[in-house]
Amino acid sequence: MIEGVEITPLQFEYMESGREFDLLLSKFKGLKKFECLNFTTTHPQEIHSWRVYADLTKLMICFIGTIKLVLFDGRRDSETFGELTEAMVGEHQLQVFSIPNDVYHGWKCLSDRTAWVMQAYSKTNPKAGRLPFNTDLIPYCW
Protein backbone atom coordinates (compact mmCIF):
# COMPACT_ATOMS: atom_id res chain seq x y z
CA MET A 1 0.00 0.00 0.00
CA ILE A 2 1.21 3.49 -0.79
CA GLU A 3 2.49 5.43 2.21
CA GLY A 4 -0.15 7.79 3.64
CA VAL A 5 -3.14 6.28 1.80
CA GLU A 6 -5.90 5.26 4.20
CA ILE A 7 -8.86 3.03 3.40
CA THR A 8 -11.91 3.14 5.66
CA PRO A 9 -14.78 0.70 5.09
CA LEU A 10 -18.29 2.10 5.53
CA GLN A 11 -21.18 0.20 7.03
CA PHE A 12 -24.70 0.30 5.66
CA GLU A 13 -27.72 0.64 7.85
CA TYR A 14 -30.49 -1.44 6.33
CA MET A 15 -34.15 -0.55 6.71
CA GLU A 16 -37.44 -1.38 4.99
CA SER A 17 -37.15 1.54 2.60
CA GLY A 18 -33.55 0.80 1.54
CA ARG A 19 -30.15 1.48 3.04
CA GLU A 20 -28.02 4.42 4.13
CA PHE A 21 -24.52 5.20 5.35
CA ASP A 22 -22.95 8.10 7.19
CA LEU A 23 -19.64 9.67 6.26
CA LEU A 24 -18.11 11.57 9.17
CA LEU A 25 -15.54 13.79 7.47
CA SER A 26 -14.12 15.04 10.76
CA LYS A 27 -12.54 11.66 11.53
CA PHE A 28 -10.18 11.77 8.55
CA LYS A 29 -6.65 13.08 8.97
CA GLY A 30 -5.57 15.62 6.40
CA LEU A 31 -9.07 17.04 5.96
CA LYS A 32 -8.79 19.84 8.50
CA LYS A 33 -11.90 21.55 7.31
CA PHE A 34 -14.46 20.64 4.73
CA GLU A 35 -15.06 23.12 1.92
CA CYS A 36 -15.97 21.29 -1.27
CA LEU A 37 -17.77 18.15 -2.39
CA ASN A 38 -17.41 17.09 -6.02
CA PHE A 39 -19.56 14.46 -7.72
CA THR A 40 -18.12 12.89 -10.87
CA THR A 41 -19.72 10.36 -13.20
CA THR A 42 -17.79 7.95 -15.39
CA HIS A 43 -19.53 5.90 -18.06
CA PRO A 44 -18.96 2.13 -18.47
CA GLN A 45 -15.45 1.24 -19.67
CA GLU A 46 -14.38 4.91 -19.69
CA ILE A 47 -11.23 6.11 -17.90
CA HIS A 48 -11.04 9.13 -15.62
CA SER A 49 -7.41 9.98 -16.30
CA TRP A 50 -4.66 10.83 -13.84
CA ARG A 51 -5.04 13.69 -11.35
CA VAL A 52 -2.67 14.90 -8.65
CA TYR A 53 -2.90 17.64 -6.03
CA ALA A 54 0.19 19.30 -4.58
CA ASP A 55 -1.38 20.88 -1.54
CA LEU A 56 -4.26 18.83 -0.19
CA THR A 57 -5.55 15.47 0.92
CA LYS A 58 -8.54 14.19 -1.00
CA LEU A 59 -11.24 11.80 0.16
CA MET A 60 -13.10 9.74 -2.40
CA ILE A 61 -15.80 7.09 -2.49
CA CYS A 62 -17.59 5.35 -5.37
CA PHE A 63 -21.17 4.97 -4.20
CA ILE A 64 -22.94 3.92 -7.42
CA GLY A 65 -21.42 1.41 -9.83
CA THR A 66 -17.93 -0.08 -9.62
CA ILE A 67 -14.55 1.38 -10.51
CA LYS A 68 -10.96 0.20 -10.60
CA LEU A 69 -9.08 2.89 -8.68
CA VAL A 70 -5.36 3.13 -9.42
CA LEU A 71 -2.92 5.14 -7.31
CA PHE A 72 0.70 6.00 -8.19
CA ASP A 73 3.13 7.46 -5.67
CA GLY A 74 4.95 10.34 -7.33
CA ARG A 75 6.58 11.63 -4.13
CA ARG A 76 10.36 11.31 -4.43
CA ASP A 77 10.79 11.46 -0.63
CA SER A 78 8.29 8.65 0.03
CA GLU A 79 9.27 5.11 0.98
CA THR A 80 6.76 3.91 -1.63
CA PHE A 81 7.92 6.24 -4.44
CA GLY A 82 7.07 4.72 -7.83
CA GLU A 83 4.63 2.13 -6.44
CA LEU A 84 1.18 1.44 -7.85
CA THR A 85 -1.92 0.34 -5.94
CA GLU A 86 -5.10 -1.02 -7.54
CA ALA A 87 -8.46 -1.42 -5.80
CA MET A 88 -11.93 -2.43 -6.96
CA VAL A 89 -14.31 -0.02 -5.30
CA GLY A 90 -18.03 0.52 -5.47
CA GLU A 91 -21.52 0.27 -4.14
CA HIS A 92 -21.19 -3.33 -2.93
CA GLN A 93 -18.06 -2.61 -0.91
CA LEU A 94 -18.17 1.01 0.19
CA GLN A 95 -14.75 2.33 1.15
CA VAL A 96 -13.42 5.83 1.64
CA PHE A 97 -9.96 6.41 0.22
CA SER A 98 -7.89 9.18 1.77
CA ILE A 99 -5.32 10.16 -0.87
CA PRO A 100 -2.43 12.39 0.24
CA ASN A 101 -0.91 15.16 -1.81
CA ASP A 102 1.34 14.24 -4.75
CA VAL A 103 -0.21 10.78 -5.17
CA TYR A 104 -1.61 10.39 -8.69
CA HIS A 105 -4.98 8.72 -9.03
CA GLY A 106 -7.28 7.66 -11.83
CA TRP A 107 -10.04 5.14 -12.37
CA LYS A 108 -11.92 3.09 -14.91
CA CYS A 109 -15.63 2.31 -14.69
CA LEU A 110 -16.04 -1.48 -14.59
CA SER A 111 -19.78 -1.66 -14.02
CA ASP A 112 -22.36 -1.87 -16.78
CA ARG A 113 -23.86 1.41 -15.61
CA THR A 114 -22.41 4.85 -14.95
CA ALA A 115 -20.33 5.07 -11.78
CA TRP A 116 -20.74 7.97 -9.36
CA VAL A 117 -17.72 9.09 -7.37
CA MET A 118 -17.84 11.61 -4.53
CA GLN A 119 -14.69 13.56 -3.71
CA ALA A 120 -14.19 15.80 -0.67
CA TYR A 121 -11.58 18.56 -0.51
CA SER A 122 -10.36 21.01 2.09
CA LYS A 123 -10.27 23.80 -0.51
CA THR A 124 -13.04 25.41 -2.49
CA ASN A 125 -11.37 25.31 -5.89
CA PRO A 126 -8.41 22.89 -5.79
CA LYS A 127 -5.96 22.97 -8.68
CA ALA A 128 -5.28 19.56 -10.15
CA GLY A 129 -2.31 18.47 -12.15
CA ARG A 130 -3.49 16.24 -14.98
CA LEU A 131 -1.93 13.61 -17.18
CA PRO A 132 -3.53 11.58 -19.97
CA PHE A 133 -4.47 8.00 -19.09
CA ASN A 134 -1.77 6.65 -21.41
CA THR A 135 1.13 8.79 -20.20
CA ASP A 136 4.62 7.28 -20.21
CA LEU A 137 5.30 8.94 -16.85
CA ILE A 138 3.21 6.36 -14.94
CA PRO A 139 3.96 2.66 -15.60
CA TYR A 140 0.34 1.50 -15.95
CA CYS A 141 -1.72 0.13 -18.81
CA TRP A 142 -5.46 0.41 -18.43
C-alpha atoms as a PDB file:
ATOM      1  CA  MET A   1       0.000   0.000   0.000  1.00  0.00           C
ATOM      2  CA  ILE A   2       1.212   3.492  -0.787  1.00  0.00           C
ATOM      3  CA  GLU A   3       2.492   5.430   2.210  1.00  0.00           C
ATOM      4  CA  GLY A   4      -0.151   7.788   3.636  1.00  0.00           C
ATOM      5  CA  VAL A   5      -3.141   6.282   1.799  1.00  0.00           C
ATOM      6  CA  GLU A   6      -5.896   5.264   4.197  1.00  0.00           C
ATOM      7  CA  ILE A   7      -8.863   3.032   3.400  1.00  0.00           C
ATOM      8  CA  THR A   8     -11.912   3.144   5.656  1.00  0.00           C
ATOM      9  CA  PRO A   9     -14.785   0.698   5.090  1.00  0.00           C
ATOM     10  CA  LEU A  10     -18.285   2.102   5.530  1.00  0.00           C
ATOM     11  CA  GLN A  11     -21.182   0.202   7.034  1.00  0.00           C
ATOM     12  CA  PHE A  12     -24.700   0.301   5.659  1.00  0.00           C
ATOM     13  CA  GLU A  13     -27.720   0.643   7.854  1.00  0.00           C
ATOM     14  CA  TYR A  14     -30.492  -1.442   6.334  1.00  0.00           C
ATOM     15  CA  MET A  15     -34.153  -0.549   6.714  1.00  0.00           C
ATOM     16  CA  GLU A  16     -37.441  -1.378   4.994  1.00  0.00           C
ATOM     17  CA  SER A  17     -37.148   1.542   2.596  1.00  0.00           C
ATOM     18  CA  GLY A  18     -33.552   0.800   1.537  1.00  0.00           C
ATOM     19  CA  ARG A  19     -30.145   1.479   3.042  1.00  0.00           C
ATOM     20  CA  GLU A  20     -28.017   4.420   4.133  1.00  0.00           C
ATOM     21  CA  PHE A  21     -24.523   5.201   5.345  1.00  0.00           C
ATOM     22  CA  ASP A  22     -22.951   8.104   7.190  1.00  0.00           C
ATOM     23  CA  LEU A  23     -19.641   9.670   6.261  1.00  0.00           C
ATOM     24  CA  LEU A  24     -18.111  11.574   9.169  1.00  0.00           C
ATOM     25  CA  LEU A  25     -15.536  13.791   7.473  1.00  0.00           C
ATOM     26  CA  SER A  26     -14.116  15.038  10.764  1.00  0.00           C
ATOM     27  CA  LYS A  27     -12.541  11.662  11.529  1.00  0.00           C
ATOM     28  CA  PHE A  28     -10.176  11.765   8.546  1.00  0.00           C
ATOM     29  CA  LYS A  29      -6.650  13.083   8.969  1.00  0.00           C
ATOM     30  CA  GLY A  30      -5.570  15.624   6.404  1.00  0.00           C
ATOM     31  CA  LEU A  31      -9.071  17.036   5.957  1.00  0.00           C
ATOM     32  CA  LYS A  32      -8.790  19.840   8.505  1.00  0.00           C
ATOM     33  CA  LYS A  33     -11.903  21.552   7.308  1.00  0.00           C
ATOM     34  CA  PHE A  34     -14.458  20.638   4.726  1.00  0.00           C
ATOM     35  CA  GLU A  35     -15.058  23.122   1.920  1.00  0.00           C
ATOM     36  CA  CYS A  36     -15.968  21.291  -1.265  1.00  0.00           C
ATOM     37  CA  LEU A  37     -17.766  18.146  -2.391  1.00  0.00           C
ATOM     38  CA  ASN A  38     -17.409  17.095  -6.019  1.00  0.00           C
ATOM     39  CA  PHE A  39     -19.562  14.456  -7.725  1.00  0.00           C
ATOM     40  CA  THR A  40     -18.117  12.891 -10.866  1.00  0.00           C
ATOM     41  CA  THR A  41     -19.717  10.363 -13.201  1.00  0.00           C
ATOM     42  CA  THR A  42     -17.791   7.947 -15.386  1.00  0.00           C
ATOM     43  CA  HIS A  43     -19.529   5.899 -18.064  1.00  0.00           C
ATOM     44  CA  PRO A  44     -18.962   2.133 -18.468  1.00  0.00           C
ATOM     45  CA  GLN A  45     -15.451   1.238 -19.672  1.00  0.00           C
ATOM     46  CA  GLU A  46     -14.376   4.910 -19.692  1.00  0.00           C
ATOM     47  CA  ILE A  47     -11.232   6.107 -17.896  1.00  0.00           C
ATOM     48  CA  HIS A  48     -11.042   9.134 -15.619  1.00  0.00           C
ATOM     49  CA  SER A  49      -7.410   9.981 -16.298  1.00  0.00           C
ATOM     50  CA  TRP A  50      -4.658  10.831 -13.835  1.00  0.00           C
ATOM     51  CA  ARG A  51      -5.044  13.692 -11.349  1.00  0.00           C
ATOM     52  CA  VAL A  52      -2.669  14.903  -8.655  1.00  0.00           C
ATOM     53  CA  TYR A  53      -2.902  17.642  -6.034  1.00  0.00           C
ATOM     54  CA  ALA A  54       0.194  19.298  -4.580  1.00  0.00           C
ATOM     55  CA  ASP A  55      -1.380  20.884  -1.536  1.00  0.00           C
ATOM     56  CA  LEU A  56      -4.260  18.827  -0.190  1.00  0.00           C
ATOM     57  CA  THR A  57      -5.552  15.470   0.917  1.00  0.00           C
ATOM     58  CA  LYS A  58      -8.542  14.194  -1.004  1.00  0.00           C
ATOM     59  CA  LEU A  59     -11.241  11.800   0.165  1.00  0.00           C
ATOM     60  CA  MET A  60     -13.099   9.740  -2.400  1.00  0.00           C
ATOM     61  CA  ILE A  61     -15.805   7.092  -2.488  1.00  0.00           C
ATOM     62  CA  CYS A  62     -17.586   5.350  -5.365  1.00  0.00           C
ATOM     63  CA  PHE A  63     -21.171   4.969  -4.196  1.00  0.00           C
ATOM     64  CA  ILE A  64     -22.942   3.916  -7.415  1.00  0.00           C
ATOM     65  CA  GLY A  65     -21.424   1.414  -9.827  1.00  0.00           C
ATOM     66  CA  THR A  66     -17.934  -0.076  -9.622  1.00  0.00           C
ATOM     67  CA  ILE A  67     -14.548   1.378 -10.508  1.00  0.00           C
ATOM     68  CA  LYS A  68     -10.963   0.197 -10.597  1.00  0.00           C
ATOM     69  CA  LEU A  69      -9.082   2.885  -8.685  1.00  0.00           C
ATOM     70  CA  VAL A  70      -5.356   3.129  -9.417  1.00  0.00           C
ATOM     71  CA  LEU A  71      -2.916   5.135  -7.306  1.00  0.00           C
ATOM     72  CA  PHE A  72       0.695   6.005  -8.186  1.00  0.00           C
ATOM     73  CA  ASP A  73       3.133   7.462  -5.665  1.00  0.00           C
ATOM     74  CA  GLY A  74       4.954  10.345  -7.327  1.00  0.00           C
ATOM     75  CA  ARG A  75       6.582  11.627  -4.128  1.00  0.00           C
ATOM     76  CA  ARG A  76      10.364  11.309  -4.425  1.00  0.00           C
ATOM     77  CA  ASP A  77      10.788  11.463  -0.628  1.00  0.00           C
ATOM     78  CA  SER A  78       8.287   8.654   0.028  1.00  0.00           C
ATOM     79  CA  GLU A  79       9.270   5.111   0.976  1.00  0.00           C
ATOM     80  CA  THR A  80       6.764   3.905  -1.626  1.00  0.00           C
ATOM     81  CA  PHE A  81       7.920   6.236  -4.445  1.00  0.00           C
ATOM     82  CA  GLY A  82       7.073   4.718  -7.828  1.00  0.00           C
ATOM     83  CA  GLU A  83       4.632   2.132  -6.437  1.00  0.00           C
ATOM     84  CA  LEU A  84       1.179   1.442  -7.845  1.00  0.00           C
ATOM     85  CA  THR A  85      -1.919   0.340  -5.937  1.00  0.00           C
ATOM     86  CA  GLU A  86      -5.102  -1.016  -7.537  1.00  0.00           C
ATOM     87  CA  ALA A  87      -8.461  -1.423  -5.803  1.00  0.00           C
ATOM     88  CA  MET A  88     -11.928  -2.432  -6.958  1.00  0.00           C
ATOM     89  CA  VAL A  89     -14.312  -0.017  -5.297  1.00  0.00           C
ATOM     90  CA  GLY A  90     -18.031   0.518  -5.473  1.00  0.00           C
ATOM     91  CA  GLU A  91     -21.521   0.274  -4.144  1.00  0.00           C
ATOM     92  CA  HIS A  92     -21.189  -3.331  -2.927  1.00  0.00           C
ATOM     93  CA  GLN A  93     -18.062  -2.610  -0.905  1.00  0.00           C
ATOM     94  CA  LEU A  94     -18.174   1.010   0.195  1.00  0.00           C
ATOM     95  CA  GLN A  95     -14.753   2.329   1.149  1.00  0.00           C
ATOM     96  CA  VAL A  96     -13.423   5.833   1.636  1.00  0.00           C
ATOM     97  CA  PHE A  97      -9.955   6.405   0.217  1.00  0.00           C
ATOM     98  CA  SER A  98      -7.889   9.181   1.766  1.00  0.00           C
ATOM     99  CA  ILE A  99      -5.318  10.156  -0.873  1.00  0.00           C
ATOM    100  CA  PRO A 100      -2.427  12.385   0.239  1.00  0.00           C
ATOM    101  CA  ASN A 101      -0.914  15.164  -1.815  1.00  0.00           C
ATOM    102  CA  ASP A 102       1.336  14.236  -4.753  1.00  0.00           C
ATOM    103  CA  VAL A 103      -0.215  10.777  -5.173  1.00  0.00           C
ATOM    104  CA  TYR A 104      -1.610  10.390  -8.694  1.00  0.00           C
ATOM    105  CA  HIS A 105      -4.983   8.718  -9.027  1.00  0.00           C
ATOM    106  CA  GLY A 106      -7.277   7.661 -11.831  1.00  0.00           C
ATOM    107  CA  TRP A 107     -10.040   5.139 -12.368  1.00  0.00           C
ATOM    108  CA  LYS A 108     -11.918   3.087 -14.908  1.00  0.00           C
ATOM    109  CA  CYS A 109     -15.628   2.310 -14.687  1.00  0.00           C
ATOM    110  CA  LEU A 110     -16.037  -1.478 -14.587  1.00  0.00           C
ATOM    111  CA  SER A 111     -19.784  -1.659 -14.022  1.00  0.00           C
ATOM    112  CA  ASP A 112     -22.361  -1.873 -16.778  1.00  0.00           C
ATOM    113  CA  ARG A 113     -23.856   1.410 -15.611  1.00  0.00           C
ATOM    114  CA  THR A 114     -22.407   4.848 -14.954  1.00  0.00           C
ATOM    115  CA  ALA A 115     -20.325   5.067 -11.778  1.00  0.00           C
ATOM    116  CA  TRP A 116     -20.745   7.974  -9.363  1.00  0.00           C
ATOM    117  CA  VAL A 117     -17.716   9.089  -7.370  1.00  0.00           C
ATOM    118  CA  MET A 118     -17.844  11.612  -4.528  1.00  0.00           C
ATOM    119  CA  GLN A 119     -14.691  13.560  -3.706  1.00  0.00           C
ATOM    120  CA  ALA A 120     -14.195  15.805  -0.674  1.00  0.00           C
ATOM    121  CA  TYR A 121     -11.585  18.559  -0.508  1.00  0.00           C
ATOM    122  CA  SER A 122     -10.363  21.010   2.085  1.00  0.00           C
ATOM    123  CA  LYS A 123     -10.268  23.804  -0.511  1.00  0.00           C
ATOM    124  CA  THR A 124     -13.043  25.413  -2.485  1.00  0.00           C
ATOM    125  CA  ASN A 125     -11.367  25.307  -5.887  1.00  0.00           C
ATOM    126  CA  PRO A 126      -8.410  22.894  -5.786  1.00  0.00           C
ATOM    127  CA  LYS A 127      -5.956  22.971  -8.681  1.00  0.00           C
ATOM    128  CA  ALA A 128      -5.284  19.560 -10.146  1.00  0.00           C
ATOM    129  CA  GLY A 129      -2.311  18.469 -12.150  1.00  0.00           C
ATOM    130  CA  ARG A 130      -3.492  16.236 -14.980  1.00  0.00           C
ATOM    131  CA  LEU A 131      -1.929  13.611 -17.176  1.00  0.00           C
ATOM    132  CA  PRO A 132      -3.527  11.577 -19.971  1.00  0.00           C
ATOM    133  CA  PHE A 133      -4.472   8.000 -19.087  1.00  0.00           C
ATOM    134  CA  ASN A 134      -1.772   6.646 -21.414  1.00  0.00           C
ATOM    135  CA  THR A 135       1.133   8.789 -20.197  1.00  0.00           C
ATOM    136  CA  ASP A 136       4.623   7.275 -20.213  1.00  0.00           C
ATOM    137  CA  LEU A 137       5.300   8.939 -16.847  1.00  0.00           C
ATOM    138  CA  ILE A 138       3.208   6.364 -14.944  1.00  0.00           C
ATOM    139  CA  PRO A 139       3.956   2.663 -15.603  1.00  0.00           C
ATOM    140  CA  TYR A 140       0.343   1.504 -15.948  1.00  0.00           C
ATOM    141  CA  CYS A 141      -1.722   0.129 -18.813  1.00  0.00           C
ATOM    142  CA  TRP A 142      -5.464   0.406 -18.430  1.00  0.00           C
END
